[in-house]
Amino acid sequence: CISDWIGVIKGFTFQGNSTPAARITDQKAMELGACYSWVIEDCTFNNFDKAVEIYFGLNCTLANLRISQQTHTGILGRHGNWTGASVNNSAFNANRIEKCRIYNGDNSYTSLHLLGADQTVVKECISEGFNPQYNFVYDENSCTGVVTNTFENIWLESNGGQITPNTGFYIKFRNSMFLKNIQRVHPN
């Protein structure tokens, strides 16, 4: 994907068939690797185990996505996992995830999982539906090169489901993590 062109995915609806009662492990709508400045916007993802996965995304934008009833993870942004890739040479850097709504399926893991990400901004996103184990997960994955990430204007509105209570944020990070204007209703 990293080349002299920019991929734009806009206005699509993706329909899966993974449900809490009949989970299809690793069913994905989109799995991308080594993407520079890609834009994914105005798309809908229904009933997948994992809706969107991006490995080694640089300066990408995920905007106005509607993810419903995922059975594991709504969005995964992480370092590369292919031969020769590591968290220190293929991190998920300088990306924007904004105005996304993730309606969690019952017994899901998380709305958003960032693994080895740096300079990533998550803004004006909603995690709702059934309780996931975590609404948002950030793990630096022992990367020494990640220095800052931001979650801003986040709305958490999930309750019920098999996992009660859930955790709003799971953060494993040794540097600067900015959490601004986090709103939670239905606290456990």
C-alpha atoms as a PDB file:
ATOM      1  CA  CYS A   1       0.000   0.000   0.000  1.00  0.00           C
ATOM      2  CA  ILE A   2       2.834   2.460   0.718  1.00  0.00           C
ATOM      3  CA  SER A   3       3.504   4.094  -2.642  1.00  0.00           C
ATOM      4  CA  ASP A   4       2.759   7.230  -4.610  1.00  0.00           C
ATOM      5  CA  TRP A   5      -1.009   6.873  -4.372  1.00  0.00           C
ATOM      6  CA  ILE A   6      -3.661   7.166  -1.659  1.00  0.00           C
ATOM      7  CA  GLY A   7      -6.448   4.667  -1.213  1.00  0.00           C
ATOM      8  CA  VAL A   8      -9.921   6.047  -0.469  1.00  0.00           C
ATOM      9  CA  ILE A   9     -12.730   3.747   0.629  1.00  0.00           C
ATOM     10  CA  LYS A  10     -15.961   5.684   0.966  1.00  0.00           C
ATOM     11  CA  GLY A  11     -19.650   4.945   1.256  1.00  0.00           C
ATOM     12  CA  PHE A  12     -19.654   1.139   1.360  1.00  0.00           C
ATOM     13  CA  THR A  13     -21.745  -1.191   3.509  1.00  0.00           C
ATOM     14  CA  PHE A  14     -20.107  -4.439   4.607  1.00  0.00           C
ATOM     15  CA  GLN A  15     -22.322  -7.243   5.924  1.00  0.00           C
ATOM     16  CA  GLY A  16     -20.982 -10.209   7.881  1.00  0.00           C
ATOM     17  CA  ASN A  17     -22.713 -13.056   9.679  1.00  0.00           C
ATOM     18  CA  SER A  18     -20.841 -13.349  12.982  1.00  0.00           C
ATOM     19  CA  THR A  19     -23.201 -13.147  15.979  1.00  0.00           C
ATOM     20  CA  PRO A  20     -22.730 -13.616  19.734  1.00  0.00           C
ATOM     21  CA  ALA A  21     -24.623 -16.920  19.460  1.00  0.00           C
ATOM     22  CA  ALA A  22     -22.628 -18.091  16.413  1.00  0.00           C
ATOM     23  CA  ARG A  23     -19.289 -16.253  16.447  1.00  0.00           C
ATOM     24  CA  ILE A  24     -17.165 -16.651  13.328  1.00  0.00           C
ATOM     25  CA  THR A  25     -13.647 -16.150  14.667  1.00  0.00           C
ATOM     26  CA  ASP A  26     -11.550 -13.710  12.626  1.00  0.00           C
ATOM     27  CA  GLN A  27     -14.285 -12.866  10.114  1.00  0.00           C
ATOM     28  CA  LYS A  28     -13.178  -9.395   8.946  1.00  0.00           C
ATOM     29  CA  ALA A  29     -14.649  -6.789   6.658  1.00  0.00           C
ATOM     30  CA  MET A  30     -11.313  -5.123   5.986  1.00  0.00           C
ATOM     31  CA  GLU A  31      -7.681  -6.029   6.680  1.00  0.00           C
ATOM     32  CA  LEU A  32      -5.057  -3.619   5.347  1.00  0.00           C
ATOM     33  CA  GLY A  33      -1.279  -3.446   5.749  1.00  0.00           C
ATOM     34  CA  ALA A  34       1.393  -0.818   5.067  1.00  0.00           C
ATOM     35  CA  CYS A  35      -0.998   2.020   4.259  1.00  0.00           C
ATOM     36  CA  TYR A  36       0.151   5.624   3.911  1.00  0.00           C
ATOM     37  CA  SER A  37      -2.460   8.408   4.059  1.00  0.00           C
ATOM     38  CA  TRP A  38      -5.391   6.104   3.293  1.00  0.00           C
ATOM     39  CA  VAL A  39      -8.906   7.372   3.993  1.00  0.00           C
ATOM     40  CA  ILE A  40     -11.768   5.136   5.066  1.00  0.00           C
ATOM     41  CA  GLU A  41     -14.957   7.097   5.629  1.00  0.00           C
ATOM     42  CA  ASP A  42     -18.739   6.986   5.598  1.00  0.00           C
ATOM     43  CA  CYS A  43     -18.823   3.163   5.714  1.00  0.00           C
ATOM     44  CA  THR A  44     -21.004   0.744   7.654  1.00  0.00           C
ATOM     45  CA  PHE A  45     -19.857  -2.615   9.039  1.00  0.00           C
ATOM     46  CA  ASN A  46     -22.420  -5.066  10.438  1.00  0.00           C
ATOM     47  CA  ASN A  47     -21.966  -8.412  12.200  1.00  0.00           C
ATOM     48  CA  PHE A  48     -18.243  -9.109  11.850  1.00  0.00           C
ATOM     49  CA  ASP A  49     -15.892 -10.582  14.433  1.00  0.00           C
ATOM     50  CA  LYS A  50     -13.451  -7.775  13.657  1.00  0.00           C
ATOM     51  CA  ALA A  51     -14.648  -4.977  11.389  1.00  0.00           C
ATOM     52  CA  VAL A  52     -11.498  -3.032  10.412  1.00  0.00           C
ATOM     53  CA  GLU A  53      -7.846  -4.004  10.927  1.00  0.00           C
ATOM     54  CA  ILE A  54      -4.961  -1.820   9.797  1.00  0.00           C
ATOM     55  CA  TYR A  55      -1.367  -2.963  10.244  1.00  0.00           C
ATOM     56  CA  PHE A  56       1.388  -0.327   9.887  1.00  0.00           C
ATOM     57  CA  GLY A  57      -0.938   2.548   9.032  1.00  0.00           C
ATOM     58  CA  LEU A  58       0.761   5.924   8.643  1.00  0.00           C
ATOM     59  CA  ASN A  59      -1.203   9.178   8.534  1.00  0.00           C
ATOM     60  CA  CYS A  60      -4.468   7.380   7.793  1.00  0.00           C
ATOM     61  CA  THR A  61      -7.945   8.711   8.532  1.00  0.00           C
ATOM     62  CA  LEU A  62     -10.883   6.589   9.649  1.00  0.00           C
ATOM     63  CA  ALA A  63     -13.924   8.847   9.811  1.00  0.00           C
ATOM     64  CA  ASN A  64     -17.662   8.529  10.237  1.00  0.00           C
ATOM     65  CA  LEU A  65     -17.640   4.735  10.409  1.00  0.00           C
ATOM     66  CA  ARG A  66     -20.669   2.874  11.768  1.00  0.00           C
ATOM     67  CA  ILE A  67     -19.778  -0.501  13.241  1.00  0.00           C
ATOM     68  CA  SER A  68     -22.577  -2.613  14.659  1.00  0.00           C
ATOM     69  CA  GLN A  69     -22.643  -5.902  16.562  1.00  0.00           C
ATOM     70  CA  GLN A  70     -18.977  -6.859  16.200  1.00  0.00           C
ATOM     71  CA  THR A  71     -18.266  -9.993  18.192  1.00  0.00           C
ATOM     72  CA  HIS A  72     -14.634  -9.157  19.071  1.00  0.00           C
ATOM     73  CA  THR A  73     -13.111  -5.812  17.974  1.00  0.00           C
ATOM     74  CA  GLY A  74     -14.544  -2.866  16.044  1.00  0.00           C
ATOM     75  CA  ILE A  75     -11.287  -1.232  14.901  1.00  0.00           C
ATOM     76  CA  LEU A  76      -7.752  -2.565  15.346  1.00  0.00           C
ATOM     77  CA  GLY A  77      -4.773  -0.318  14.568  1.00  0.00           C
ATOM     78  CA  ARG A  78      -1.414  -1.972  15.144  1.00  0.00           C
ATOM     79  CA  HIS A  79       2.177  -2.442  14.051  1.00  0.00           C
ATOM     80  CA  GLY A  80       3.008  -4.815  11.226  1.00  0.00           C
ATOM     81  CA  ASN A  81       3.067  -8.551  11.902  1.00  0.00           C
ATOM     82  CA  TRP A  82       4.837  -9.913   8.819  1.00  0.00           C
ATOM     83  CA  THR A  83       8.401 -11.257   8.527  1.00  0.00           C
ATOM     84  CA  GLY A  84      10.849  -8.481   9.407  1.00  0.00           C
ATOM     85  CA  ALA A  85       8.189  -6.195  10.888  1.00  0.00           C
ATOM     86  CA  SER A  86       8.273  -5.221  14.543  1.00  0.00           C
ATOM     87  CA  VAL A  87       6.612  -2.736  16.825  1.00  0.00           C
ATOM     88  CA  ASN A  88       9.717  -0.545  16.476  1.00  0.00           C
ATOM     89  CA  ASN A  89       9.884  -0.426  12.649  1.00  0.00           C
ATOM     90  CA  SER A  90       6.255  -0.649  11.508  1.00  0.00           C
ATOM     91  CA  ALA A  91       4.164   1.130  14.136  1.00  0.00           C
ATOM     92  CA  PHE A  92       0.655   2.546  13.665  1.00  0.00           C
ATOM     93  CA  ASN A  93       1.671   6.251  13.534  1.00  0.00           C
ATOM     94  CA  ALA A  94       0.042   9.669  13.097  1.00  0.00           C
ATOM     95  CA  ASN A  95      -3.448   8.365  12.378  1.00  0.00           C
ATOM     96  CA  ARG A  96      -6.853   9.953  13.045  1.00  0.00           C
ATOM     97  CA  ILE A  97      -9.920   8.005  14.087  1.00  0.00           C
ATOM     98  CA  GLU A  98     -12.873  10.352  14.346  1.00  0.00           C
ATOM     99  CA  LYS A  99     -16.648  10.492  14.489  1.00  0.00           C
ATOM    100  CA  CYS A 100     -16.960   6.700  14.592  1.00  0.00           C
ATOM    101  CA  ARG A 101     -19.836   4.895  16.303  1.00  0.00           C
ATOM    102  CA  ILE A 102     -19.277   1.354  17.483  1.00  0.00           C
ATOM    103  CA  TYR A 103     -22.308  -0.536  18.785  1.00  0.00           C
ATOM    104  CA  ASN A 104     -20.769  -3.515  20.575  1.00  0.00           C
ATOM    105  CA  GLY A 105     -22.176  -6.998  20.231  1.00  0.00           C
ATOM    106  CA  ASP A 106     -22.802  -8.976  23.400  1.00  0.00           C
ATOM    107  CA  ASN A 107     -19.621 -10.469  24.908  1.00  0.00           C
ATOM    108  CA  SER A 108     -17.256  -8.534  22.578  1.00  0.00           C
ATOM    109  CA  TYR A 109     -13.690  -7.573  23.504  1.00  0.00           C
ATOM    110  CA  THR A 110     -13.431  -3.876  22.578  1.00  0.00           C
ATOM    111  CA  SER A 111     -14.627  -1.083  20.304  1.00  0.00           C
ATOM    112  CA  LEU A 112     -11.105   0.099  19.497  1.00  0.00           C
ATOM    113  CA  HIS A 113      -7.737  -1.599  20.050  1.00  0.00           C
ATOM    114  CA  LEU A 114      -4.495   0.290  19.407  1.00  0.00           C
ATOM    115  CA  LEU A 115      -1.318  -1.772  19.652  1.00  0.00           C
ATOM    116  CA  GLY A 116       2.045  -0.051  19.266  1.00  0.00           C
ATOM    117  CA  ALA A 117       0.481   3.222  18.091  1.00  0.00           C
ATOM    118  CA  ASP A 118       2.043   6.697  18.274  1.00  0.00           C
ATOM    119  CA  GLN A 119       0.704  10.198  17.628  1.00  0.00           C
ATOM    120  CA  THR A 120      -2.754   8.735  17.044  1.00  0.00           C
ATOM    121  CA  VAL A 121      -5.799  10.881  17.774  1.00  0.00           C
ATOM    122  CA  VAL A 122      -9.151   9.288  18.582  1.00  0.00           C
ATOM    123  CA  LYS A 123     -11.757  12.040  18.599  1.00  0.00           C
ATOM    124  CA  GLU A 124     -15.542  12.310  18.889  1.00  0.00           C
ATOM    125  CA  CYS A 125     -16.109   8.550  18.931  1.00  0.00           C
ATOM    126  CA  ILE A 126     -18.902   6.597  20.600  1.00  0.00           C
ATOM    127  CA  SER A 127     -18.734   3.145  22.159  1.00  0.00           C
ATOM    128  CA  GLU A 128     -22.191   1.834  22.972  1.00  0.00           C
ATOM    129  CA  GLY A 129     -24.385  -1.229  22.905  1.00  0.00           C
ATOM    130  CA  PHE A 130     -23.683  -4.239  25.098  1.00  0.00           C
ATOM    131  CA  ASN A 131     -20.760  -4.105  27.494  1.00  0.00           C
ATOM    132  CA  PRO A 132     -17.507  -5.067  25.822  1.00  0.00           C
ATOM    133  CA  GLN A 133     -14.734  -6.220  28.107  1.00  0.00           C
ATOM    134  CA  TYR A 134     -13.082  -2.832  27.458  1.00  0.00           C
ATOM    135  CA  ASN A 135     -14.503   0.112  25.520  1.00  0.00           C
ATOM    136  CA  PHE A 136     -11.040   1.245  24.413  1.00  0.00           C
ATOM    137  CA  VAL A 137      -7.704  -0.618  24.639  1.00  0.00           C
ATOM    138  CA  TYR A 138      -4.263   0.927  24.192  1.00  0.00           C
ATOM    139  CA  ASP A 139      -1.096  -1.155  24.580  1.00  0.00           C
ATOM    140  CA  GLU A 140       2.321   0.211  23.645  1.00  0.00           C
ATOM    141  CA  ASN A 141       3.452  -3.415  23.187  1.00  0.00           C
ATOM    142  CA  SER A 142       6.893  -2.576  24.681  1.00  0.00           C
ATOM    143  CA  CYS A 143       7.670  -0.130  21.866  1.00  0.00           C
ATOM    144  CA  THR A 144      10.211   2.453  22.988  1.00  0.00           C
ATOM    145  CA  GLY A 145       9.363   4.841  20.132  1.00  0.00           C
ATOM    146  CA  VAL A 146       5.778   5.711  21.039  1.00  0.00           C
ATOM    147  CA  VAL A 147       5.480   8.995  22.922  1.00  0.00           C
ATOM    148  CA  THR A 148       1.939  10.344  22.851  1.00  0.00           C
ATOM    149  CA  ASN A 149      -1.648   9.511  21.921  1.00  0.00           C
ATOM    150  CA  THR A 150      -4.942  11.351  22.471  1.00  0.00           C
ATOM    151  CA  PHE A 151      -8.527  10.351  23.181  1.00  0.00           C
ATOM    152  CA  GLU A 152     -10.820  13.394  23.015  1.00  0.00           C
ATOM    153  CA  ASN A 153     -14.602  13.918  23.241  1.00  0.00           C
ATOM    154  CA  ILE A 154     -15.347  10.234  23.802  1.00  0.00           C
ATOM    155  CA  TRP A 155     -18.830   8.971  24.654  1.00  0.00           C
ATOM    156  CA  LEU A 156     -19.265   5.645  26.459  1.00  0.00           C
ATOM    157  CA  GLU A 157     -22.786   4.274  26.653  1.00  0.00           C
ATOM    158  CA  SER A 158     -22.782   0.519  27.021  1.00  0.00           C
ATOM    159  CA  ASN A 159     -24.569  -1.615  29.557  1.00  0.00           C
ATOM    160  CA  GLY A 160     -25.980  -5.065  30.087  1.00  0.00           C
ATOM    161  CA  GLY A 161     -24.697  -8.039  28.178  1.00  0.00           C
ATOM    162  CA  GLN A 162     -22.657 -10.969  29.434  1.00  0.00           C
ATOM    163  CA  ILE A 163     -19.713  -8.873  30.627  1.00  0.00           C
ATOM    164  CA  THR A 164     -20.763  -6.711  33.548  1.00  0.00           C
ATOM    165  CA  PRO A 165     -19.118  -4.561  34.668  1.00  0.00           C
ATOM    166  CA  ASN A 166     -16.866  -3.484  31.822  1.00  0.00           C
ATOM    167  CA  THR A 167     -13.880  -1.137  31.832  1.00  0.00           C
ATOM    168  CA  GLY A 168     -13.941   2.158  29.928  1.00  0.00           C
ATOM    169  CA  PHE A 169     -10.210   2.270  29.111  1.00  0.00           C
ATOM    170  CA  TYR A 170      -7.415  -0.270  29.400  1.00  0.00           C
ATOM    171  CA  ILE A 171      -4.145   1.613  28.944  1.00  0.00           C
ATOM    172  CA  LYS A 172      -0.640   0.155  29.074  1.00  0.00           C
ATOM    173  CA  PHE A 173       1.642   3.063  28.233  1.00  0.00           C
ATOM    174  CA  ARG A 174       4.727   4.668  29.782  1.00  0.00           C
ATOM    175  CA  ASN A 175       4.615   8.083  28.078  1.00  0.00           C
ATOM    176  CA  SER A 176       1.919  10.757  27.526  1.00  0.00           C
ATOM    177  CA  MET A 177      -1.690   9.706  27.044  1.00  0.00           C
ATOM    178  CA  PHE A 178      -4.196  12.541  26.850  1.00  0.00           C
ATOM    179  CA  LEU A 179      -7.790  11.796  27.860  1.00  0.00           C
ATOM    180  CA  LYS A 180     -10.019  14.852  27.312  1.00  0.00           C
ATOM    181  CA  ASN A 181     -13.782  15.162  27.768  1.00  0.00           C
ATOM    182  CA  ILE A 182     -14.657  11.521  28.414  1.00  0.00           C
ATOM    183  CA  GLN A 183     -18.401  11.098  29.052  1.00  0.00           C
ATOM    184  CA  ARG A 184     -19.891   7.911  30.451  1.00  0.00           C
ATOM    185  CA  VAL A 185     -23.535   7.110  31.067  1.00  0.00           C
ATOM    186  CA  HIS A 186     -24.842   3.923  32.714  1.00  0.00           C
ATOM    187  CA  PRO A 187     -21.778   3.604  35.005  1.00  0.00           C
ATOM    188  CA  ASN A 188     -21.193   0.149  36.492  1.00  0.00           C
END
